[in-house]
Amino acid sequence: MSVMYITVMIARLEVRVKTSAAKTLDSYDAALRNRIIAKFDDIAENPRGTDSKKLEGNIYRVRVGDYRIVYEVHDKERKAVVLRIGHRSEIYR
């Protein structure tokens, strides 16, 4: 019996942050900002991971404590664009 192993290399996505989301991110304290930036790495690895929720079309959100990151996935361009970052009570308004 012959066993073949196939290695699949999934390329990471480039994560871009809109200017408005970057300004919001800059307003947070260092600890929260670092947790959110660490989540960008998870998005780059697997934009549709188990902790992401599809909102509509190709727009998803992930949770970072009480904060949310809303982003759009562009598969052809291999990028994710962070649209909004905010507290869960304000992000969907």
PDB file of N, CA and C in Angstrom:
ATOM      1  N   MET A   1       0.843  -1.171   0.000  1.00  0.00           N
ATOM      2  CA  MET A   1       0.000   0.000   0.000  1.00  0.00           C
ATOM      3  C   MET A   1       0.891   1.238   0.000  1.00  0.00           C
ATOM      4  N   SER A   2       0.569   2.160  -0.862  1.00  0.00           N
ATOM      5  CA  SER A   2       1.331   3.394  -0.977  1.00  0.00           C
ATOM      6  C   SER A   2       0.534   4.551  -0.376  1.00  0.00           C
ATOM      7  N   VAL A   3       1.196   5.334   0.445  1.00  0.00           N
ATOM      8  CA  VAL A   3       0.547   6.476   1.059  1.00  0.00           C
ATOM      9  C   VAL A   3       1.223   7.732   0.545  1.00  0.00           C
ATOM     10  N   MET A   4       0.431   8.646   0.061  1.00  0.00           N
ATOM     11  CA  MET A   4       0.974   9.895  -0.437  1.00  0.00           C
ATOM     12  C   MET A   4       0.567  11.004   0.519  1.00  0.00           C
ATOM     13  N   TYR A   5       1.520  11.816   0.897  1.00  0.00           N
ATOM     14  CA  TYR A   5       1.247  12.951   1.746  1.00  0.00           C
ATOM     15  C   TYR A   5       1.262  14.207   0.896  1.00  0.00           C
ATOM     16  N   ILE A   6       0.257  14.987   1.068  1.00  0.00           N
ATOM     17  CA  ILE A   6       0.160  16.231   0.317  1.00  0.00           C
ATOM     18  C   ILE A   6       0.258  17.378   1.308  1.00  0.00           C
ATOM     19  N   THR A   7       1.174  18.247   1.044  1.00  0.00           N
ATOM     20  CA  THR A   7       1.325  19.426   1.883  1.00  0.00           C
ATOM     21  C   THR A   7       0.659  20.593   1.186  1.00  0.00           C
ATOM     22  N   VAL A   8      -0.232  21.223   1.886  1.00  0.00           N
ATOM     23  CA  VAL A   8      -0.929  22.377   1.338  1.00  0.00           C
ATOM     24  C   VAL A   8      -0.405  23.613   2.043  1.00  0.00           C
ATOM     25  N   MET A   9       0.108  24.512   1.275  1.00  0.00           N
ATOM     26  CA  MET A   9       0.606  25.761   1.832  1.00  0.00           C
ATOM     27  C   MET A   9      -0.403  26.840   1.517  1.00  0.00           C
ATOM     28  N   ILE A  10      -1.014  27.367   2.536  1.00  0.00           N
ATOM     29  CA  ILE A  10      -1.995  28.420   2.353  1.00  0.00           C
ATOM     30  C   ILE A  10      -1.299  29.750   2.598  1.00  0.00           C
ATOM     31  N   ALA A  11      -1.339  30.579   1.597  1.00  0.00           N
ATOM     32  CA  ALA A  11      -0.689  31.885   1.713  1.00  0.00           C
ATOM     33  C   ALA A  11      -1.490  32.772   2.652  1.00  0.00           C
ATOM     34  N   ARG A  12      -0.764  33.539   3.424  1.00  0.00           N
ATOM     35  CA  ARG A  12      -1.403  34.483   4.330  1.00  0.00           C
ATOM     36  C   ARG A  12      -2.008  35.636   3.536  1.00  0.00           C
ATOM     37  N   LEU A  13      -3.052  36.193   4.095  1.00  0.00           N
ATOM     38  CA  LEU A  13      -3.631  37.382   3.499  1.00  0.00           C
ATOM     39  C   LEU A  13      -2.897  38.610   4.014  1.00  0.00           C
ATOM     40  N   GLU A  14      -2.896  39.625   3.210  1.00  0.00           N
ATOM     41  CA  GLU A  14      -2.394  40.921   3.655  1.00  0.00           C
ATOM     42  C   GLU A  14      -3.553  41.606   4.371  1.00  0.00           C
ATOM     43  N   VAL A  15      -3.304  42.140   5.549  1.00  0.00           N
ATOM     44  CA  VAL A  15      -4.339  42.845   6.301  1.00  0.00           C
ATOM     45  C   VAL A  15      -4.077  44.338   6.188  1.00  0.00           C
ATOM     46  N   ARG A  16      -5.050  45.047   5.649  1.00  0.00           N
ATOM     47  CA  ARG A  16      -4.966  46.502   5.540  1.00  0.00           C
ATOM     48  C   ARG A  16      -6.008  47.116   6.460  1.00  0.00           C
ATOM     49  N   VAL A  17      -5.698  48.270   7.013  1.00  0.00           N
ATOM     50  CA  VAL A  17      -6.603  48.937   7.950  1.00  0.00           C
ATOM     51  C   VAL A  17      -6.984  50.289   7.360  1.00  0.00           C
ATOM     52  N   LYS A  18      -8.291  50.517   7.232  1.00  0.00           N
ATOM     53  CA  LYS A  18      -8.746  51.819   6.735  1.00  0.00           C
ATOM     54  C   LYS A  18      -8.291  52.910   7.697  1.00  0.00           C
ATOM     55  N   THR A  19      -8.126  54.104   7.182  1.00  0.00           N
ATOM     56  CA  THR A  19      -7.643  55.231   7.976  1.00  0.00           C
ATOM     57  C   THR A  19      -8.539  55.489   9.181  1.00  0.00           C
ATOM     58  N   SER A  20      -9.842  55.432   8.991  1.00  0.00           N
ATOM     59  CA  SER A  20     -10.764  55.685  10.107  1.00  0.00           C
ATOM     60  C   SER A  20     -10.617  54.629  11.198  1.00  0.00           C
ATOM     61  N   ALA A  21     -10.428  53.375  10.808  1.00  0.00           N
ATOM     62  CA  ALA A  21     -10.235  52.309  11.793  1.00  0.00           C
ATOM     63  C   ALA A  21      -8.889  52.460  12.489  1.00  0.00           C
ATOM     64  N   ALA A  22      -7.869  52.905  11.757  1.00  0.00           N
ATOM     65  CA  ALA A  22      -6.547  53.114  12.358  1.00  0.00           C
ATOM     66  C   ALA A  22      -6.587  54.229  13.395  1.00  0.00           C
ATOM     67  N   LYS A  23      -7.355  55.277  13.123  1.00  0.00           N
ATOM     68  CA  LYS A  23      -7.489  56.373  14.087  1.00  0.00           C
ATOM     69  C   LYS A  23      -8.176  55.885  15.354  1.00  0.00           C
ATOM     70  N   THR A  24      -9.188  55.055  15.190  1.00  0.00           N
ATOM     71  CA  THR A  24      -9.865  54.478  16.348  1.00  0.00           C
ATOM     72  C   THR A  24      -8.903  53.611  17.143  1.00  0.00           C
ATOM     73  N   LEU A  25      -8.136  52.796  16.446  1.00  0.00           N
ATOM     74  CA  LEU A  25      -7.161  51.923  17.091  1.00  0.00           C
ATOM     75  C   LEU A  25      -6.135  52.731  17.869  1.00  0.00           C
ATOM     76  N   ASP A  26      -5.685  53.827  17.317  1.00  0.00           N
ATOM     77  CA  ASP A  26      -4.702  54.683  17.991  1.00  0.00           C
ATOM     78  C   ASP A  26      -5.244  55.298  19.276  1.00  0.00           C
ATOM     79  N   SER A  27      -6.553  55.435  19.375  1.00  0.00           N
ATOM     80  CA  SER A  27      -7.137  56.060  20.559  1.00  0.00           C
ATOM     81  C   SER A  27      -7.212  55.108  21.761  1.00  0.00           C
ATOM     82  N   TYR A  28      -7.014  53.813  21.542  1.00  0.00           N
ATOM     83  CA  TYR A  28      -7.096  52.835  22.629  1.00  0.00           C
ATOM     84  C   TYR A  28      -5.790  52.768  23.399  1.00  0.00           C
ATOM     85  N   ASP A  29      -5.878  52.263  24.647  1.00  0.00           N
ATOM     86  CA  ASP A  29      -4.662  52.099  25.446  1.00  0.00           C
ATOM     87  C   ASP A  29      -3.800  50.984  24.841  1.00  0.00           C
ATOM     88  N   ALA A  30      -2.550  50.946  25.226  1.00  0.00           N
ATOM     89  CA  ALA A  30      -1.566  50.042  24.613  1.00  0.00           C
ATOM     90  C   ALA A  30      -1.954  48.575  24.740  1.00  0.00           C
ATOM     91  N   ALA A  31      -2.483  48.172  25.886  1.00  0.00           N
ATOM     92  CA  ALA A  31      -2.832  46.766  26.090  1.00  0.00           C
ATOM     93  C   ALA A  31      -3.917  46.315  25.118  1.00  0.00           C
ATOM     94  N   LEU A  32      -4.983  47.101  24.988  1.00  0.00           N
ATOM     95  CA  LEU A  32      -6.068  46.769  24.070  1.00  0.00           C
ATOM     96  C   LEU A  32      -5.578  46.828  22.629  1.00  0.00           C
ATOM     97  N   ARG A  33      -4.809  47.856  22.309  1.00  0.00           N
ATOM     98  CA  ARG A  33      -4.273  47.999  20.950  1.00  0.00           C
ATOM     99  C   ARG A  33      -3.445  46.770  20.572  1.00  0.00           C
ATOM    100  N   ASN A  34      -2.622  46.262  21.471  1.00  0.00           N
ATOM    101  CA  ASN A  34      -1.796  45.089  21.185  1.00  0.00           C
ATOM    102  C   ASN A  34      -2.638  43.834  20.999  1.00  0.00           C
ATOM    103  N   ARG A  35      -3.724  43.700  21.770  1.00  0.00           N
ATOM    104  CA  ARG A  35      -4.612  42.544  21.599  1.00  0.00           C
ATOM    105  C   ARG A  35      -5.301  42.586  20.233  1.00  0.00           C
ATOM    106  N   ILE A  36      -5.698  43.764  19.813  1.00  0.00           N
ATOM    107  CA  ILE A  36      -6.360  43.906  18.512  1.00  0.00           C
ATOM    108  C   ILE A  36      -5.371  43.641  17.376  1.00  0.00           C
ATOM    109  N   ILE A  37      -4.171  44.162  17.486  1.00  0.00           N
ATOM    110  CA  ILE A  37      -3.162  43.938  16.452  1.00  0.00           C
ATOM    111  C   ILE A  37      -2.802  42.453  16.368  1.00  0.00           C
ATOM    112  N   ALA A  38      -2.766  41.769  17.500  1.00  0.00           N
ATOM    113  CA  ALA A  38      -2.505  40.324  17.496  1.00  0.00           C
ATOM    114  C   ALA A  38      -3.612  39.584  16.748  1.00  0.00           C
ATOM    115  N   LYS A  39      -4.838  40.070  16.847  1.00  0.00           N
ATOM    116  CA  LYS A  39      -5.951  39.448  16.139  1.00  0.00           C
ATOM    117  C   LYS A  39      -5.824  39.632  14.631  1.00  0.00           C
ATOM    118  N   PHE A  40      -5.161  40.716  14.188  1.00  0.00           N
ATOM    119  CA  PHE A  40      -4.906  40.907  12.754  1.00  0.00           C
ATOM    120  C   PHE A  40      -4.104  39.729  12.197  1.00  0.00           C
ATOM    121  N   ASP A  41      -3.181  39.209  13.006  1.00  0.00           N
ATOM    122  CA  ASP A  41      -2.375  38.064  12.575  1.00  0.00           C
ATOM    123  C   ASP A  41      -3.262  36.836  12.382  1.00  0.00           C
ATOM    124  N   ASP A  42      -4.241  36.638  13.268  1.00  0.00           N
ATOM    125  CA  ASP A  42      -5.184  35.528  13.114  1.00  0.00           C
ATOM    126  C   ASP A  42      -6.015  35.690  11.848  1.00  0.00           C
ATOM    127  N   ILE A  43      -6.425  36.918  11.571  1.00  0.00           N
ATOM    128  CA  ILE A  43      -7.200  37.188  10.360  1.00  0.00           C
ATOM    129  C   ILE A  43      -6.362  36.875   9.118  1.00  0.00           C
ATOM    130  N   ALA A  44      -5.092  37.237   9.141  1.00  0.00           N
ATOM    131  CA  ALA A  44      -4.206  36.970   8.008  1.00  0.00           C
ATOM    132  C   ALA A  44      -4.049  35.472   7.769  1.00  0.00           C
ATOM    133  N   GLU A  45      -3.985  34.708   8.837  1.00  0.00           N
ATOM    134  CA  GLU A  45      -3.830  33.251   8.728  1.00  0.00           C
ATOM    135  C   GLU A  45      -5.109  32.571   8.243  1.00  0.00           C
ATOM    136  N   ASN A  46      -6.239  32.950   8.843  1.00  0.00           N
ATOM    137  CA  ASN A  46      -7.498  32.295   8.525  1.00  0.00           C
ATOM    138  C   ASN A  46      -8.646  33.298   8.684  1.00  0.00           C
ATOM    139  N   PRO A  47      -8.982  34.024   7.629  1.00  0.00           N
ATOM    140  CA  PRO A  47      -9.988  35.085   7.745  1.00  0.00           C
ATOM    141  C   PRO A  47     -11.394  34.579   8.049  1.00  0.00           C
ATOM    142  N   ARG A  48     -11.633  33.321   7.817  1.00  0.00           N
ATOM    143  CA  ARG A  48     -12.947  32.748   8.093  1.00  0.00           C
ATOM    144  C   ARG A  48     -12.838  31.694   9.192  1.00  0.00           C
ATOM    145  N   GLY A  49     -12.015  31.988  10.172  1.00  0.00           N
ATOM    146  CA  GLY A  49     -11.752  31.062  11.267  1.00  0.00           C
ATOM    147  C   GLY A  49     -12.978  30.797  12.123  1.00  0.00           C
ATOM    148  N   THR A  50     -12.793  29.925  13.095  1.00  0.00           N
ATOM    149  CA  THR A  50     -13.916  29.501  13.925  1.00  0.00           C
ATOM    150  C   THR A  50     -14.456  30.631  14.792  1.00  0.00           C
ATOM    151  N   ASP A  51     -13.636  31.629  15.080  1.00  0.00           N
ATOM    152  CA  ASP A  51     -14.121  32.727  15.914  1.00  0.00           C
ATOM    153  C   ASP A  51     -14.646  33.909  15.109  1.00  0.00           C
ATOM    154  N   SER A  52     -14.714  33.754  13.788  1.00  0.00           N
ATOM    155  CA  SER A  52     -15.258  34.827  12.960  1.00  0.00           C
ATOM    156  C   SER A  52     -16.733  34.552  12.678  1.00  0.00           C
ATOM    157  N   LYS A  53     -17.464  35.618  12.448  1.00  0.00           N
ATOM    158  CA  LYS A  53     -18.879  35.488  12.111  1.00  0.00           C
ATOM    159  C   LYS A  53     -19.134  36.271  10.836  1.00  0.00           C
ATOM    160  N   LYS A  54     -19.799  35.630   9.901  1.00  0.00           N
ATOM    161  CA  LYS A  54     -20.127  36.286   8.642  1.00  0.00           C
ATOM    162  C   LYS A  54     -21.309  37.220   8.874  1.00  0.00           C
ATOM    163  N   LEU A  55     -21.146  38.474   8.473  1.00  0.00           N
ATOM    164  CA  LEU A  55     -22.219  39.446   8.632  1.00  0.00           C
ATOM    165  C   LEU A  55     -23.066  39.527   7.376  1.00  0.00           C
ATOM    166  N   GLU A  56     -22.437  39.817   6.241  1.00  0.00           N
ATOM    167  CA  GLU A  56     -23.130  39.856   4.958  1.00  0.00           C
ATOM    168  C   GLU A  56     -22.096  39.867   3.856  1.00  0.00           C
ATOM    169  N   GLY A  57     -22.434  39.270   2.732  1.00  0.00           N
ATOM    170  CA  GLY A  57     -21.491  39.231   1.610  1.00  0.00           C
ATOM    171  C   GLY A  57     -20.149  38.673   2.028  1.00  0.00           C
ATOM    172  N   ASN A  58     -19.103  39.453   1.841  1.00  0.00           N
ATOM    173  CA  ASN A  58     -17.764  39.018   2.235  1.00  0.00           C
ATOM    174  C   ASN A  58     -17.265  39.815   3.446  1.00  0.00           C
ATOM    175  N   ILE A  59     -18.196  40.254   4.280  1.00  0.00           N
ATOM    176  CA  ILE A  59     -17.858  41.021   5.484  1.00  0.00           C
ATOM    177  C   ILE A  59     -18.007  40.125   6.707  1.00  0.00           C
ATOM    178  N   TYR A  60     -16.976  40.148   7.548  1.00  0.00           N
ATOM    179  CA  TYR A  60     -16.918  39.309   8.741  1.00  0.00           C
ATOM    180  C   TYR A  60     -16.590  40.164   9.955  1.00  0.00           C
ATOM    181  N   ARG A  61     -16.758  39.560  11.141  1.00  0.00           N
ATOM    182  CA  ARG A  61     -16.347  40.225  12.364  1.00  0.00           C
ATOM    183  C   ARG A  61     -15.718  39.194  13.292  1.00  0.00           C
ATOM    184  N   VAL A  62     -14.765  39.662  14.077  1.00  0.00           N
ATOM    185  CA  VAL A  62     -14.177  38.843  15.132  1.00  0.00           C
ATOM    186  C   VAL A  62     -14.247  39.627  16.427  1.00  0.00           C
ATOM    187  N   ARG A  63     -14.240  38.887  17.525  1.00  0.00           N
ATOM    188  CA  ARG A  63     -14.317  39.503  18.838  1.00  0.00           C
ATOM    189  C   ARG A  63     -12.942  39.576  19.480  1.00  0.00           C
ATOM    190  N   VAL A  64     -12.704  40.661  20.186  1.00  0.00           N
ATOM    191  CA  VAL A  64     -11.522  40.834  21.021  1.00  0.00           C
ATOM    192  C   VAL A  64     -12.066  41.385  22.340  1.00  0.00           C
ATOM    193  N   GLY A  65     -12.451  40.490  23.234  1.00  0.00           N
ATOM    194  CA  GLY A  65     -13.106  40.913  24.462  1.00  0.00           C
ATOM    195  C   GLY A  65     -14.423  41.589  24.141  1.00  0.00           C
ATOM    196  N   ASP A  66     -14.607  42.807  24.631  1.00  0.00           N
ATOM    197  CA  ASP A  66     -15.834  43.562  24.356  1.00  0.00           C
ATOM    198  C   ASP A  66     -15.749  44.376  23.070  1.00  0.00           C
ATOM    199  N   TYR A  67     -14.674  44.221  22.339  1.00  0.00           N
ATOM    200  CA  TYR A  67     -14.459  44.989  21.106  1.00  0.00           C
ATOM    201  C   TYR A  67     -14.626  44.085  19.895  1.00  0.00           C
ATOM    202  N   ARG A  68     -14.942  44.698  18.773  1.00  0.00           N
ATOM    203  CA  ARG A  68     -15.163  43.960  17.533  1.00  0.00           C
ATOM    204  C   ARG A  68     -14.307  44.553  16.426  1.00  0.00           C
ATOM    205  N   ILE A  69     -13.844  43.668  15.549  1.00  0.00           N
ATOM    206  CA  ILE A  69     -13.138  44.065  14.329  1.00  0.00           C
ATOM    207  C   ILE A  69     -14.019  43.623  13.173  1.00  0.00           C
ATOM    208  N   VAL A  70     -14.458  44.552  12.358  1.00  0.00           N
ATOM    209  CA  VAL A  70     -15.269  44.248  11.182  1.00  0.00           C
ATOM    210  C   VAL A  70     -14.367  44.412   9.966  1.00  0.00           C
ATOM    211  N   TYR A  71     -14.305  43.373   9.152  1.00  0.00           N
ATOM    212  CA  TYR A  71     -13.395  43.395   8.006  1.00  0.00           C
ATOM    213  C   TYR A  71     -14.017  42.717   6.797  1.00  0.00           C
ATOM    214  N   GLU A  72     -13.458  43.040   5.659  1.00  0.00           N
ATOM    215  CA  GLU A  72     -13.929  42.531   4.372  1.00  0.00           C
ATOM    216  C   GLU A  72     -12.818  41.695   3.760  1.00  0.00           C
ATOM    217  N   VAL A  73     -13.166  40.523   3.245  1.00  0.00           N
ATOM    218  CA  VAL A  73     -12.177  39.612   2.661  1.00  0.00           C
ATOM    219  C   VAL A  73     -12.245  39.701   1.142  1.00  0.00           C
ATOM    220  N   HIS A  74     -11.086  39.905   0.523  1.00  0.00           N
ATOM    221  CA  HIS A  74     -10.961  39.937  -0.944  1.00  0.00           C
ATOM    222  C   HIS A  74     -10.039  38.788  -1.335  1.00  0.00           C
ATOM    223  N   ASP A  75     -10.642  37.669  -1.733  1.00  0.00           N
ATOM    224  CA  ASP A  75      -9.856  36.468  -2.027  1.00  0.00           C
ATOM    225  C   ASP A  75      -8.945  36.635  -3.227  1.00  0.00           C
ATOM    226  N   LYS A  76      -9.427  37.248  -4.281  1.00  0.00           N
ATOM    227  CA  LYS A  76      -8.605  37.383  -5.490  1.00  0.00           C
ATOM    228  C   LYS A  76      -7.356  38.213  -5.245  1.00  0.00           C
ATOM    229  N   GLU A  77      -7.485  39.254  -4.444  1.00  0.00           N
ATOM    230  CA  GLU A  77      -6.338  40.120  -4.146  1.00  0.00           C
ATOM    231  C   GLU A  77      -5.539  39.611  -2.946  1.00  0.00           C
ATOM    232  N   ARG A  78      -6.022  38.546  -2.297  1.00  0.00           N
ATOM    233  CA  ARG A  78      -5.379  37.967  -1.106  1.00  0.00           C
ATOM    234  C   ARG A  78      -5.184  39.022  -0.016  1.00  0.00           C
ATOM    235  N   LYS A  79      -6.275  39.738   0.280  1.00  0.00           N
ATOM    236  CA  LYS A  79      -6.182  40.756   1.326  1.00  0.00           C
ATOM    237  C   LYS A  79      -7.473  40.814   2.125  1.00  0.00           C
ATOM    238  N   ALA A  80      -7.341  41.310   3.341  1.00  0.00           N
ATOM    239  CA  ALA A  80      -8.481  41.605   4.199  1.00  0.00           C
ATOM    240  C   ALA A  80      -8.378  43.072   4.571  1.00  0.00           C
ATOM    241  N   VAL A  81      -9.479  43.784   4.477  1.00  0.00           N
ATOM    242  CA  VAL A  81      -9.501  45.209   4.784  1.00  0.00           C
ATOM    243  C   VAL A  81     -10.327  45.418   6.046  1.00  0.00           C
ATOM    244  N   VAL A  82      -9.678  45.944   7.085  1.00  0.00           N
ATOM    245  CA  VAL A  82     -10.374  46.241   8.332  1.00  0.00           C
ATOM    246  C   VAL A  82     -11.180  47.513   8.118  1.00  0.00           C
ATOM    247  N   LEU A  83     -12.495  47.394   8.244  1.00  0.00           N
ATOM    248  CA  LEU A  83     -13.392  48.515   7.994  1.00  0.00           C
ATOM    249  C   LEU A  83     -13.659  49.331   9.250  1.00  0.00           C
ATOM    250  N   ARG A  84     -13.922  48.636  10.359  1.00  0.00           N
ATOM    251  CA  ARG A  84     -14.259  49.312  11.609  1.00  0.00           C
ATOM    252  C   ARG A  84     -13.702  48.528  12.793  1.00  0.00           C
ATOM    253  N   ILE A  85     -13.374  49.254  13.835  1.00  0.00           N
ATOM    254  CA  ILE A  85     -12.979  48.674  15.112  1.00  0.00           C
ATOM    255  C   ILE A  85     -13.749  49.456  16.165  1.00  0.00           C
ATOM    256  N   GLY A  86     -14.374  48.754  17.107  1.00  0.00           N
ATOM    257  CA  GLY A  86     -15.096  49.480  18.128  1.00  0.00           C
ATOM    258  C   GLY A  86     -15.673  48.597  19.200  1.00  0.00           C
ATOM    259  N   HIS A  87     -16.199  49.230  20.229  1.00  0.00           N
ATOM    260  CA  HIS A  87     -16.844  48.524  21.323  1.00  0.00           C
ATOM    261  C   HIS A  87     -18.115  47.867  20.797  1.00  0.00           C
ATOM    262  N   ARG A  88     -18.458  46.740  21.357  1.00  0.00           N
ATOM    263  CA  ARG A  88     -19.614  45.977  20.856  1.00  0.00           C
ATOM    264  C   ARG A  88     -20.919  46.759  20.930  1.00  0.00           C
ATOM    265  N   SER A  89     -21.024  47.712  21.842  1.00  0.00           N
ATOM    266  CA  SER A  89     -22.261  48.483  21.959  1.00  0.00           C
ATOM    267  C   SER A  89     -22.376  49.554  20.881  1.00  0.00           C
ATOM    268  N   GLU A  90     -21.287  49.858  20.198  1.00  0.00           N
ATOM    269  CA  GLU A  90     -21.293  50.938  19.210  1.00  0.00           C
ATOM    270  C   GLU A  90     -20.970  50.506  17.786  1.00  0.00           C
ATOM    271  N   ILE A  91     -20.405  49.350  17.607  1.00  0.00           N
ATOM    272  CA  ILE A  91     -19.832  48.971  16.309  1.00  0.00           C
ATOM    273  C   ILE A  91     -20.877  48.788  15.211  1.00  0.00           C
ATOM    274  N   TYR A  92     -22.083  48.351  15.546  1.00  0.00           N
ATOM    275  CA  TYR A  92     -23.075  48.038  14.517  1.00  0.00           C
ATOM    276  C   TYR A  92     -24.020  49.184  14.213  1.00  0.00           C
ATOM    277  N   ARG A  93     -23.795  50.348  14.811  1.00  0.00           N
ATOM    278  CA  ARG A  93     -24.667  51.498  14.584  1.00  0.00           C
ATOM    279  C   ARG A  93     -24.395  52.151  13.256  1.00  0.00           C
TER     280      ARG A  93
END
